[in-house]
Amino acid sequence: MSTVAMLRQFRIGGFSVFDFATTLLGTWLLSPLLSAGFRELGIEIPRTNWLWLAIPIGELVHLVLGLKTPLYQDVVDPSGHYLWKLAFIIMIVMGLRGIHLVRQ
């Protein structure tokens, strides 16, 4: 068993804790670079907003690439998983709240 496979075996509700942790850690580390890029475009996005938007952006990428993960399937399932859908709406709202245009 590889190291990554071993780390991905720890799950909460069918979802890999390692996947969520690496997503949030990677977003936290990359957010200054992402914010600087968007600042050049006149948009200010704080680090905490990137953290709120990390999971919804990841699921959007899965949608575009056609990757069927358990979380993706729960979110697009029209007949249930309303708690995940509510959590996604909250994450998107919290992520968009602090974003504002920068005067240049």
PDB file of N, CA and C in Angstrom:
ATOM      1  N   MET A   1       0.855  -1.174   0.000  1.00  0.00           N
ATOM      2  CA  MET A   1       0.000   0.000   0.000  1.00  0.00           C
ATOM      3  C   MET A   1       0.902   1.238   0.000  1.00  0.00           C
ATOM      4  N   SER A   2       0.622   2.158  -0.904  1.00  0.00           N
ATOM      5  CA  SER A   2       1.434   3.377  -0.974  1.00  0.00           C
ATOM      6  C   SER A   2       1.081   4.311   0.190  1.00  0.00           C
ATOM      7  N   THR A   3       1.933   5.288   0.404  1.00  0.00           N
ATOM      8  CA  THR A   3       1.724   6.239   1.500  1.00  0.00           C
ATOM      9  C   THR A   3       0.432   7.023   1.304  1.00  0.00           C
ATOM     10  N   VAL A   4       0.176   7.485   0.066  1.00  0.00           N
ATOM     11  CA  VAL A   4      -1.037   8.260  -0.204  1.00  0.00           C
ATOM     12  C   VAL A   4      -2.274   7.389   0.002  1.00  0.00           C
ATOM     13  N   ALA A   5      -2.232   6.154  -0.468  1.00  0.00           N
ATOM     14  CA  ALA A   5      -3.367   5.245  -0.268  1.00  0.00           C
ATOM     15  C   ALA A   5      -3.612   4.999   1.215  1.00  0.00           C
ATOM     16  N   MET A   6      -2.527   4.884   1.984  1.00  0.00           N
ATOM     17  CA  MET A   6      -2.667   4.684   3.419  1.00  0.00           C
ATOM     18  C   MET A   6      -3.300   5.914   4.073  1.00  0.00           C
ATOM     19  N   LEU A   7      -2.856   7.108   3.663  1.00  0.00           N
ATOM     20  CA  LEU A   7      -3.413   8.337   4.240  1.00  0.00           C
ATOM     21  C   LEU A   7      -4.872   8.550   3.839  1.00  0.00           C
ATOM     22  N   ARG A   8      -5.237   8.113   2.641  1.00  0.00           N
ATOM     23  CA  ARG A   8      -6.609   8.313   2.171  1.00  0.00           C
ATOM     24  C   ARG A   8      -7.601   7.317   2.769  1.00  0.00           C
ATOM     25  N   GLN A   9      -7.131   6.323   3.515  1.00  0.00           N
ATOM     26  CA  GLN A   9      -8.042   5.342   4.090  1.00  0.00           C
ATOM     27  C   GLN A   9      -8.815   5.887   5.287  1.00  0.00           C
ATOM     28  N   PHE A  10      -8.341   6.981   5.880  1.00  0.00           N
ATOM     29  CA  PHE A  10      -9.041   7.582   7.013  1.00  0.00           C
ATOM     30  C   PHE A  10     -10.189   8.428   6.480  1.00  0.00           C
ATOM     31  N   ARG A  11     -11.398   8.057   6.870  1.00  0.00           N
ATOM     32  CA  ARG A  11     -12.580   8.695   6.288  1.00  0.00           C
ATOM     33  C   ARG A  11     -13.570   9.120   7.356  1.00  0.00           C
ATOM     34  N   ILE A  12     -14.322  10.156   7.011  1.00  0.00           N
ATOM     35  CA  ILE A  12     -15.462  10.589   7.818  1.00  0.00           C
ATOM     36  C   ILE A  12     -16.652  10.628   6.877  1.00  0.00           C
ATOM     37  N   GLY A  13     -17.629   9.787   7.141  1.00  0.00           N
ATOM     38  CA  GLY A  13     -18.817   9.747   6.304  1.00  0.00           C
ATOM     39  C   GLY A  13     -18.541   9.395   4.856  1.00  0.00           C
ATOM     40  N   GLY A  14     -17.521   8.595   4.600  1.00  0.00           N
ATOM     41  CA  GLY A  14     -17.210   8.201   3.237  1.00  0.00           C
ATOM     42  C   GLY A  14     -16.280   9.155   2.501  1.00  0.00           C
ATOM     43  N   PHE A  15     -15.887  10.242   3.141  1.00  0.00           N
ATOM     44  CA  PHE A  15     -15.020  11.231   2.503  1.00  0.00           C
ATOM     45  C   PHE A  15     -13.639  11.186   3.144  1.00  0.00           C
ATOM     46  N   SER A  16     -12.614  11.244   2.319  1.00  0.00           N
ATOM     47  CA  SER A  16     -11.241  11.161   2.789  1.00  0.00           C
ATOM     48  C   SER A  16     -10.829  12.439   3.515  1.00  0.00           C
ATOM     49  N   VAL A  17     -10.398  12.294   4.756  1.00  0.00           N
ATOM     50  CA  VAL A  17      -9.925  13.428   5.548  1.00  0.00           C
ATOM     51  C   VAL A  17      -8.675  14.017   4.897  1.00  0.00           C
ATOM     52  N   PHE A  18      -7.813  13.162   4.350  1.00  0.00           N
ATOM     53  CA  PHE A  18      -6.587  13.606   3.695  1.00  0.00           C
ATOM     54  C   PHE A  18      -6.893  14.533   2.520  1.00  0.00           C
ATOM     55  N   ASP A  19      -7.917  14.214   1.723  1.00  0.00           N
ATOM     56  CA  ASP A  19      -8.275  15.041   0.569  1.00  0.00           C
ATOM     57  C   ASP A  19      -8.720  16.436   1.009  1.00  0.00           C
ATOM     58  N   PHE A  20      -9.569  16.501   2.024  1.00  0.00           N
ATOM     59  CA  PHE A  20     -10.022  17.808   2.522  1.00  0.00           C
ATOM     60  C   PHE A  20      -8.858  18.601   3.113  1.00  0.00           C
ATOM     61  N   ALA A  21      -8.006  17.919   3.879  1.00  0.00           N
ATOM     62  CA  ALA A  21      -6.881  18.607   4.523  1.00  0.00           C
ATOM     63  C   ALA A  21      -5.906  19.156   3.491  1.00  0.00           C
ATOM     64  N   THR A  22      -5.582  18.364   2.468  1.00  0.00           N
ATOM     65  CA  THR A  22      -4.646  18.849   1.452  1.00  0.00           C
ATOM     66  C   THR A  22      -5.265  19.960   0.617  1.00  0.00           C
ATOM     67  N   THR A  23      -6.553  19.899   0.375  1.00  0.00           N
ATOM     68  CA  THR A  23      -7.222  20.971  -0.360  1.00  0.00           C
ATOM     69  C   THR A  23      -7.134  22.280   0.413  1.00  0.00           C
ATOM     70  N   LEU A  24      -7.455  22.236   1.694  1.00  0.00           N
ATOM     71  CA  LEU A  24      -7.428  23.466   2.492  1.00  0.00           C
ATOM     72  C   LEU A  24      -6.002  23.956   2.729  1.00  0.00           C
ATOM     73  N   LEU A  25      -5.051  23.058   2.960  1.00  0.00           N
ATOM     74  CA  LEU A  25      -3.661  23.466   3.150  1.00  0.00           C
ATOM     75  C   LEU A  25      -3.089  24.067   1.862  1.00  0.00           C
ATOM     76  N   GLY A  26      -3.357  23.424   0.734  1.00  0.00           N
ATOM     77  CA  GLY A  26      -2.892  23.950  -0.546  1.00  0.00           C
ATOM     78  C   GLY A  26      -3.490  25.308  -0.859  1.00  0.00           C
ATOM     79  N   THR A  27      -4.763  25.471  -0.563  1.00  0.00           N
ATOM     80  CA  THR A  27      -5.426  26.759  -0.785  1.00  0.00           C
ATOM     81  C   THR A  27      -4.834  27.826   0.119  1.00  0.00           C
ATOM     82  N   TRP A  28      -4.580  27.480   1.375  1.00  0.00           N
ATOM     83  CA  TRP A  28      -3.999  28.445   2.317  1.00  0.00           C
ATOM     84  C   TRP A  28      -2.619  28.883   1.840  1.00  0.00           C
ATOM     85  N   LEU A  29      -1.828  27.935   1.329  1.00  0.00           N
ATOM     86  CA  LEU A  29      -0.484  28.267   0.862  1.00  0.00           C
ATOM     87  C   LEU A  29      -0.494  29.069  -0.442  1.00  0.00           C
ATOM     88  N   LEU A  30      -1.442  28.782  -1.333  1.00  0.00           N
ATOM     89  CA  LEU A  30      -1.500  29.465  -2.630  1.00  0.00           C
ATOM     90  C   LEU A  30      -2.290  30.764  -2.606  1.00  0.00           C
ATOM     91  N   SER A  31      -3.079  30.989  -1.575  1.00  0.00           N
ATOM     92  CA  SER A  31      -3.973  32.149  -1.562  1.00  0.00           C
ATOM     93  C   SER A  31      -3.254  33.495  -1.697  1.00  0.00           C
ATOM     94  N   PRO A  32      -2.060  33.716  -1.122  1.00  0.00           N
ATOM     95  CA  PRO A  32      -1.397  35.009  -1.368  1.00  0.00           C
ATOM     96  C   PRO A  32      -1.085  35.237  -2.849  1.00  0.00           C
ATOM     97  N   LEU A  33      -0.668  34.185  -3.548  1.00  0.00           N
ATOM     98  CA  LEU A  33      -0.395  34.315  -4.977  1.00  0.00           C
ATOM     99  C   LEU A  33      -1.679  34.546  -5.775  1.00  0.00           C
ATOM    100  N   LEU A  34      -2.725  33.813  -5.423  1.00  0.00           N
ATOM    101  CA  LEU A  34      -4.005  33.986  -6.105  1.00  0.00           C
ATOM    102  C   LEU A  34      -4.562  35.383  -5.864  1.00  0.00           C
ATOM    103  N   SER A  35      -4.477  35.844  -4.608  1.00  0.00           N
ATOM    104  CA  SER A  35      -4.979  37.184  -4.279  1.00  0.00           C
ATOM    105  C   SER A  35      -4.202  38.260  -5.020  1.00  0.00           C
ATOM    106  N   ALA A  36      -2.884  38.084  -5.127  1.00  0.00           N
ATOM    107  CA  ALA A  36      -2.065  39.069  -5.841  1.00  0.00           C
ATOM    108  C   ALA A  36      -2.458  39.126  -7.313  1.00  0.00           C
ATOM    109  N   GLY A  37      -2.708  37.982  -7.907  1.00  0.00           N
ATOM    110  CA  GLY A  37      -3.135  37.948  -9.306  1.00  0.00           C
ATOM    111  C   GLY A  37      -4.463  38.639  -9.519  1.00  0.00           C
ATOM    112  N   PHE A  38      -5.409  38.393  -8.630  1.00  0.00           N
ATOM    113  CA  PHE A  38      -6.706  39.032  -8.761  1.00  0.00           C
ATOM    114  C   PHE A  38      -6.638  40.517  -8.423  1.00  0.00           C
ATOM    115  N   ARG A  39      -5.709  40.897  -7.528  1.00  0.00           N
ATOM    116  CA  ARG A  39      -5.524  42.309  -7.205  1.00  0.00           C
ATOM    117  C   ARG A  39      -5.082  43.090  -8.444  1.00  0.00           C
ATOM    118  N   GLU A  40      -4.279  42.456  -9.286  1.00  0.00           N
ATOM    119  CA  GLU A  40      -3.865  43.074 -10.556  1.00  0.00           C
ATOM    120  C   GLU A  40      -5.063  43.318 -11.468  1.00  0.00           C
ATOM    121  N   LEU A  41      -6.087  42.487 -11.324  1.00  0.00           N
ATOM    122  CA  LEU A  41      -7.310  42.652 -12.109  1.00  0.00           C
ATOM    123  C   LEU A  41      -8.298  43.605 -11.440  1.00  0.00           C
ATOM    124  N   GLY A  42      -7.933  44.117 -10.255  1.00  0.00           N
ATOM    125  CA  GLY A  42      -8.794  45.047  -9.545  1.00  0.00           C
ATOM    126  C   GLY A  42      -9.790  44.399  -8.607  1.00  0.00           C
ATOM    127  N   ILE A  43      -9.522  43.159  -8.216  1.00  0.00           N
ATOM    128  CA  ILE A  43     -10.425  42.433  -7.315  1.00  0.00           C
ATOM    129  C   ILE A  43      -9.635  42.013  -6.084  1.00  0.00           C
ATOM    130  N   GLU A  44     -10.114  42.387  -4.906  1.00  0.00           N
ATOM    131  CA  GLU A  44      -9.463  42.026  -3.640  1.00  0.00           C
ATOM    132  C   GLU A  44     -10.170  40.803  -3.054  1.00  0.00           C
ATOM    133  N   ILE A  45      -9.413  39.709  -2.880  1.00  0.00           N
ATOM    134  CA  ILE A  45      -9.952  38.480  -2.300  1.00  0.00           C
ATOM    135  C   ILE A  45      -9.068  38.097  -1.118  1.00  0.00           C
ATOM    136  N   PRO A  46      -9.564  38.225   0.109  1.00  0.00           N
ATOM    137  CA  PRO A  46      -8.771  37.860   1.289  1.00  0.00           C
ATOM    138  C   PRO A  46      -8.524  36.346   1.369  1.00  0.00           C
ATOM    139  N   ARG A  47      -7.532  35.969   2.166  1.00  0.00           N
ATOM    140  CA  ARG A  47      -7.156  34.560   2.322  1.00  0.00           C
ATOM    141  C   ARG A  47      -8.314  33.712   2.848  1.00  0.00           C
ATOM    142  N   THR A  48      -9.054  34.228   3.808  1.00  0.00           N
ATOM    143  CA  THR A  48     -10.156  33.433   4.368  1.00  0.00           C
ATOM    144  C   THR A  48     -11.227  33.144   3.318  1.00  0.00           C
ATOM    145  N   ASN A  49     -11.410  34.063   2.390  1.00  0.00           N
ATOM    146  CA  ASN A  49     -12.393  33.828   1.335  1.00  0.00           C
ATOM    147  C   ASN A  49     -11.960  32.688   0.421  1.00  0.00           C
ATOM    148  N   TRP A  50     -10.657  32.602   0.152  1.00  0.00           N
ATOM    149  CA  TRP A  50     -10.158  31.483  -0.641  1.00  0.00           C
ATOM    150  C   TRP A  50     -10.437  30.162   0.074  1.00  0.00           C
ATOM    151  N   LEU A  51     -10.290  30.144   1.393  1.00  0.00           N
ATOM    152  CA  LEU A  51     -10.551  28.914   2.144  1.00  0.00           C
ATOM    153  C   LEU A  51     -12.021  28.521   2.076  1.00  0.00           C
ATOM    154  N   TRP A  52     -12.915  29.505   2.183  1.00  0.00           N
ATOM    155  CA  TRP A  52     -14.338  29.210   2.068  1.00  0.00           C
ATOM    156  C   TRP A  52     -14.697  28.685   0.675  1.00  0.00           C
ATOM    157  N   LEU A  53     -14.019  29.183  -0.346  1.00  0.00           N
ATOM    158  CA  LEU A  53     -14.346  28.820  -1.725  1.00  0.00           C
ATOM    159  C   LEU A  53     -13.584  27.590  -2.237  1.00  0.00           C
ATOM    160  N   ALA A  54     -12.655  27.063  -1.456  1.00  0.00           N
ATOM    161  CA  ALA A  54     -11.811  25.959  -1.926  1.00  0.00           C
ATOM    162  C   ALA A  54     -12.629  24.735  -2.339  1.00  0.00           C
ATOM    163  N   ILE A  55     -13.516  24.279  -1.500  1.00  0.00           N
ATOM    164  CA  ILE A  55     -14.288  23.065  -1.796  1.00  0.00           C
ATOM    165  C   ILE A  55     -15.265  23.311  -2.951  1.00  0.00           C
ATOM    166  N   PRO A  56     -16.040  24.428  -2.962  1.00  0.00           N
ATOM    167  CA  PRO A  56     -16.913  24.665  -4.121  1.00  0.00           C
ATOM    168  C   PRO A  56     -16.143  24.795  -5.440  1.00  0.00           C
ATOM    169  N   ILE A  57     -14.977  25.445  -5.432  1.00  0.00           N
ATOM    170  CA  ILE A  57     -14.184  25.552  -6.659  1.00  0.00           C
ATOM    171  C   ILE A  57     -13.701  24.164  -7.079  1.00  0.00           C
ATOM    172  N   GLY A  58     -13.286  23.362  -6.116  1.00  0.00           N
ATOM    173  CA  GLY A  58     -12.857  22.001  -6.425  1.00  0.00           C
ATOM    174  C   GLY A  58     -13.968  21.173  -7.044  1.00  0.00           C
ATOM    175  N   GLU A  59     -15.156  21.313  -6.535  1.00  0.00           N
ATOM    176  CA  GLU A  59     -16.284  20.562  -7.098  1.00  0.00           C
ATOM    177  C   GLU A  59     -16.661  21.086  -8.478  1.00  0.00           C
ATOM    178  N   LEU A  60     -16.491  22.373  -8.711  1.00  0.00           N
ATOM    179  CA  LEU A  60     -16.717  22.931 -10.045  1.00  0.00           C
ATOM    180  C   LEU A  60     -15.715  22.343 -11.036  1.00  0.00           C
ATOM    181  N   VAL A  61     -14.470  22.198 -10.614  1.00  0.00           N
ATOM    182  CA  VAL A  61     -13.446  21.577 -11.463  1.00  0.00           C
ATOM    183  C   VAL A  61     -13.819  20.120 -11.751  1.00  0.00           C
ATOM    184  N   HIS A  62     -14.297  19.406 -10.744  1.00  0.00           N
ATOM    185  CA  HIS A  62     -14.739  18.034 -10.975  1.00  0.00           C
ATOM    186  C   HIS A  62     -15.886  17.988 -11.974  1.00  0.00           C
ATOM    187  N   LEU A  63     -16.801  18.931 -11.893  1.00  0.00           N
ATOM    188  CA  LEU A  63     -17.916  19.000 -12.837  1.00  0.00           C
ATOM    189  C   LEU A  63     -17.402  19.211 -14.253  1.00  0.00           C
ATOM    190  N   VAL A  64     -16.489  20.174 -14.431  1.00  0.00           N
ATOM    191  CA  VAL A  64     -15.954  20.486 -15.757  1.00  0.00           C
ATOM    192  C   VAL A  64     -15.179  19.296 -16.334  1.00  0.00           C
ATOM    193  N   LEU A  65     -14.398  18.628 -15.492  1.00  0.00           N
ATOM    194  CA  LEU A  65     -13.586  17.506 -15.956  1.00  0.00           C
ATOM    195  C   LEU A  65     -14.356  16.184 -16.027  1.00  0.00           C
ATOM    196  N   GLY A  66     -15.568  16.168 -15.493  1.00  0.00           N
ATOM    197  CA  GLY A  66     -16.378  14.960 -15.522  1.00  0.00           C
ATOM    198  C   GLY A  66     -15.927  13.890 -14.557  1.00  0.00           C
ATOM    199  N   LEU A  67     -15.266  14.277 -13.469  1.00  0.00           N
ATOM    200  CA  LEU A  67     -14.807  13.318 -12.464  1.00  0.00           C
ATOM    201  C   LEU A  67     -15.923  13.075 -11.452  1.00  0.00           C
ATOM    202  N   LYS A  68     -16.252  11.823 -11.237  1.00  0.00           N
ATOM    203  CA  LYS A  68     -17.347  11.461 -10.337  1.00  0.00           C
ATOM    204  C   LYS A  68     -16.796  11.040  -8.976  1.00  0.00           C
ATOM    205  N   THR A  69     -16.681  11.992  -8.062  1.00  0.00           N
ATOM    206  CA  THR A  69     -16.252  11.690  -6.704  1.00  0.00           C
ATOM    207  C   THR A  69     -17.490  11.539  -5.821  1.00  0.00           C
ATOM    208  N   PRO A  70     -17.351  10.930  -4.637  1.00  0.00           N
ATOM    209  CA  PRO A  70     -18.522  10.799  -3.763  1.00  0.00           C
ATOM    210  C   PRO A  70     -19.153  12.152  -3.392  1.00  0.00           C
ATOM    211  N   LEU A  71     -18.342  13.158  -3.107  1.00  0.00           N
ATOM    212  CA  LEU A  71     -18.887  14.469  -2.758  1.00  0.00           C
ATOM    213  C   LEU A  71     -19.594  15.091  -3.949  1.00  0.00           C
ATOM    214  N   TYR A  72     -18.996  14.990  -5.127  1.00  0.00           N
ATOM    215  CA  TYR A  72     -19.617  15.514  -6.341  1.00  0.00           C
ATOM    216  C   TYR A  72     -20.977  14.857  -6.565  1.00  0.00           C
ATOM    217  N   GLN A  73     -21.022  13.541  -6.414  1.00  0.00           N
ATOM    218  CA  GLN A  73     -22.283  12.832  -6.627  1.00  0.00           C
ATOM    219  C   GLN A  73     -23.335  13.240  -5.603  1.00  0.00           C
ATOM    220  N   ASP A  74     -22.932  13.485  -4.369  1.00  0.00           N
ATOM    221  CA  ASP A  74     -23.876  13.944  -3.348  1.00  0.00           C
ATOM    222  C   ASP A  74     -24.412  15.334  -3.668  1.00  0.00           C
ATOM    223  N   VAL A  75     -23.554  16.198  -4.168  1.00  0.00           N
ATOM    224  CA  VAL A  75     -23.961  17.579  -4.442  1.00  0.00           C
ATOM    225  C   VAL A  75     -24.901  17.658  -5.636  1.00  0.00           C
ATOM    226  N   VAL A  76     -24.661  16.873  -6.677  1.00  0.00           N
ATOM    227  CA  VAL A  76     -25.507  16.953  -7.876  1.00  0.00           C
ATOM    228  C   VAL A  76     -26.719  16.033  -7.815  1.00  0.00           C
ATOM    229  N   ASP A  77     -26.827  15.209  -6.788  1.00  0.00           N
ATOM    230  CA  ASP A  77     -27.981  14.324  -6.626  1.00  0.00           C
ATOM    231  C   ASP A  77     -29.230  15.162  -6.361  1.00  0.00           C
ATOM    232  N   PRO A  78     -30.210  15.135  -7.263  1.00  0.00           N
ATOM    233  CA  PRO A  78     -31.389  15.986  -7.070  1.00  0.00           C
ATOM    234  C   PRO A  78     -32.354  15.489  -5.996  1.00  0.00           C
ATOM    235  N   SER A  79     -32.183  14.257  -5.524  1.00  0.00           N
ATOM    236  CA  SER A  79     -33.177  13.697  -4.613  1.00  0.00           C
ATOM    237  C   SER A  79     -32.746  13.626  -3.160  1.00  0.00           C
ATOM    238  N   GLY A  80     -31.655  14.250  -2.802  1.00  0.00           N
ATOM    239  CA  GLY A  80     -31.250  14.161  -1.411  1.00  0.00           C
ATOM    240  C   GLY A  80     -29.968  14.915  -1.126  1.00  0.00           C
ATOM    241  N   HIS A  81     -29.383  14.567   0.007  1.00  0.00           N
ATOM    242  CA  HIS A  81     -28.127  15.173   0.452  1.00  0.00           C
ATOM    243  C   HIS A  81     -28.273  16.683   0.612  1.00  0.00           C
ATOM    244  N   TYR A  82     -29.378  17.088   1.198  1.00  0.00           N
ATOM    245  CA  TYR A  82     -29.667  18.521   1.332  1.00  0.00           C
ATOM    246  C   TYR A  82     -28.725  19.224   2.299  1.00  0.00           C
ATOM    247  N   LEU A  83     -28.165  18.497   3.253  1.00  0.00           N
ATOM    248  CA  LEU A  83     -27.211  19.104   4.173  1.00  0.00           C
ATOM    249  C   LEU A  83     -25.945  19.537   3.424  1.00  0.00           C
ATOM    250  N   TRP A  84     -25.459  18.698   2.494  1.00  0.00           N
ATOM    251  CA  TRP A  84     -24.298  19.074   1.687  1.00  0.00           C
ATOM    252  C   TRP A  84     -24.619  20.257   0.791  1.00  0.00           C
ATOM    253  N   LYS A  85     -25.804  20.267   0.228  1.00  0.00           N
ATOM    254  CA  LYS A  85     -26.193  21.386  -0.633  1.00  0.00           C
ATOM    255  C   LYS A  85     -26.256  22.684   0.177  1.00  0.00           C
ATOM    256  N   LEU A  86     -26.800  22.618   1.385  1.00  0.00           N
ATOM    257  CA  LEU A  86     -26.854  23.785   2.259  1.00  0.00           C
ATOM    258  C   LEU A  86     -25.443  24.231   2.639  1.00  0.00           C
ATOM    259  N   ALA A  87     -24.566  23.275   2.946  1.00  0.00           N
ATOM    260  CA  ALA A  87     -23.180  23.607   3.288  1.00  0.00           C
ATOM    261  C   ALA A  87     -22.487  24.291   2.112  1.00  0.00           C
ATOM    262  N   PHE A  88     -22.738  23.828   0.896  1.00  0.00           N
ATOM    263  CA  PHE A  88     -22.140  24.468  -0.282  1.00  0.00           C
ATOM    264  C   PHE A  88     -22.650  25.885  -0.461  1.00  0.00           C
ATOM    265  N   ILE A  89     -23.927  26.095  -0.263  1.00  0.00           N
ATOM    266  CA  ILE A  89     -24.481  27.449  -0.385  1.00  0.00           C
ATOM    267  C   ILE A  89     -23.855  28.363   0.660  1.00  0.00           C
ATOM    268  N   ILE A  90     -23.721  27.876   1.887  1.00  0.00           N
ATOM    269  CA  ILE A  90     -23.100  28.674   2.952  1.00  0.00           C
ATOM    270  C   ILE A  90     -21.646  28.976   2.606  1.00  0.00           C
ATOM    271  N   MET A  91     -20.903  27.969   2.107  1.00  0.00           N
ATOM    272  CA  MET A  91     -19.502  28.198   1.735  1.00  0.00           C
ATOM    273  C   MET A  91     -19.381  29.241   0.625  1.00  0.00           C
ATOM    274  N   ILE A  92     -20.251  29.184  -0.345  1.00  0.00           N
ATOM    275  CA  ILE A  92     -20.201  30.152  -1.445  1.00  0.00           C
ATOM    276  C   ILE A  92     -20.543  31.549  -0.950  1.00  0.00           C
ATOM    277  N   VAL A  93     -21.578  31.672  -0.135  1.00  0.00           N
ATOM    278  CA  VAL A  93     -21.959  32.987   0.397  1.00  0.00           C
ATOM    279  C   VAL A  93     -20.843  33.560   1.262  1.00  0.00           C
ATOM    280  N   MET A  94     -20.290  32.750   2.160  1.00  0.00           N
ATOM    281  CA  MET A  94     -19.206  33.233   3.021  1.00  0.00           C
ATOM    282  C   MET A  94     -17.966  33.582   2.197  1.00  0.00           C
ATOM    283  N   GLY A  95     -17.707  32.827   1.152  1.00  0.00           N
ATOM    284  CA  GLY A  95     -16.559  33.095   0.305  1.00  0.00           C
ATOM    285  C   GLY A  95     -16.698  34.361  -0.516  1.00  0.00           C
ATOM    286  N   LEU A  96     -17.901  34.683  -0.934  1.00  0.00           N
ATOM    287  CA  LEU A  96     -18.119  35.868  -1.762  1.00  0.00           C
ATOM    288  C   LEU A  96     -18.316  37.138  -0.943  1.00  0.00           C
ATOM    289  N   ARG A  97     -18.589  37.005   0.355  1.00  0.00           N
ATOM    290  CA  ARG A  97     -18.889  38.167   1.195  1.00  0.00           C
ATOM    291  C   ARG A  97     -17.782  39.194   1.271  1.00  0.00           C
ATOM    292  N   GLY A  98     -16.529  38.784   1.407  1.00  0.00           N
ATOM    293  CA  GLY A  98     -15.444  39.732   1.617  1.00  0.00           C
ATOM    294  C   GLY A  98     -14.763  40.204   0.347  1.00  0.00           C
ATOM    295  N   ILE A  99     -15.228  39.747  -0.807  1.00  0.00           N
ATOM    296  CA  ILE A  99     -14.607  40.128  -2.069  1.00  0.00           C
ATOM    297  C   ILE A  99     -15.112  41.517  -2.466  1.00  0.00           C
ATOM    298  N   HIS A 100     -14.194  42.385  -2.852  1.00  0.00           N
ATOM    299  CA  HIS A 100     -14.590  43.716  -3.301  1.00  0.00           C
ATOM    300  C   HIS A 100     -13.641  44.232  -4.379  1.00  0.00           C
ATOM    301  N   LEU A 101     -14.117  45.201  -5.112  1.00  0.00           N
ATOM    302  CA  LEU A 101     -13.308  45.807  -6.173  1.00  0.00           C
ATOM    303  C   LEU A 101     -12.327  46.803  -5.576  1.00  0.00           C
ATOM    304  N   VAL A 102     -11.140  46.847  -6.129  1.00  0.00           N
ATOM    305  CA  VAL A 102     -10.091  47.771  -5.678  1.00  0.00           C
ATOM    306  C   VAL A 102     -10.048  48.935  -6.657  1.00  0.00           C
ATOM    307  N   ARG A 103     -10.054  50.141  -6.125  1.00  0.00           N
ATOM    308  CA  ARG A 103      -9.940  51.308  -6.999  1.00  0.00           C
ATOM    309  C   ARG A 103      -8.512  51.453  -7.471  1.00  0.00           C
ATOM    310  N   GLN A 104      -8.371  51.686  -8.742  1.00  0.00           N
ATOM    311  CA  GLN A 104      -7.015  51.789  -9.301  1.00  0.00           C
ATOM    312  C   GLN A 104      -6.701  53.188  -9.756  1.00  0.00           C
TER     313      GLN A 104
END
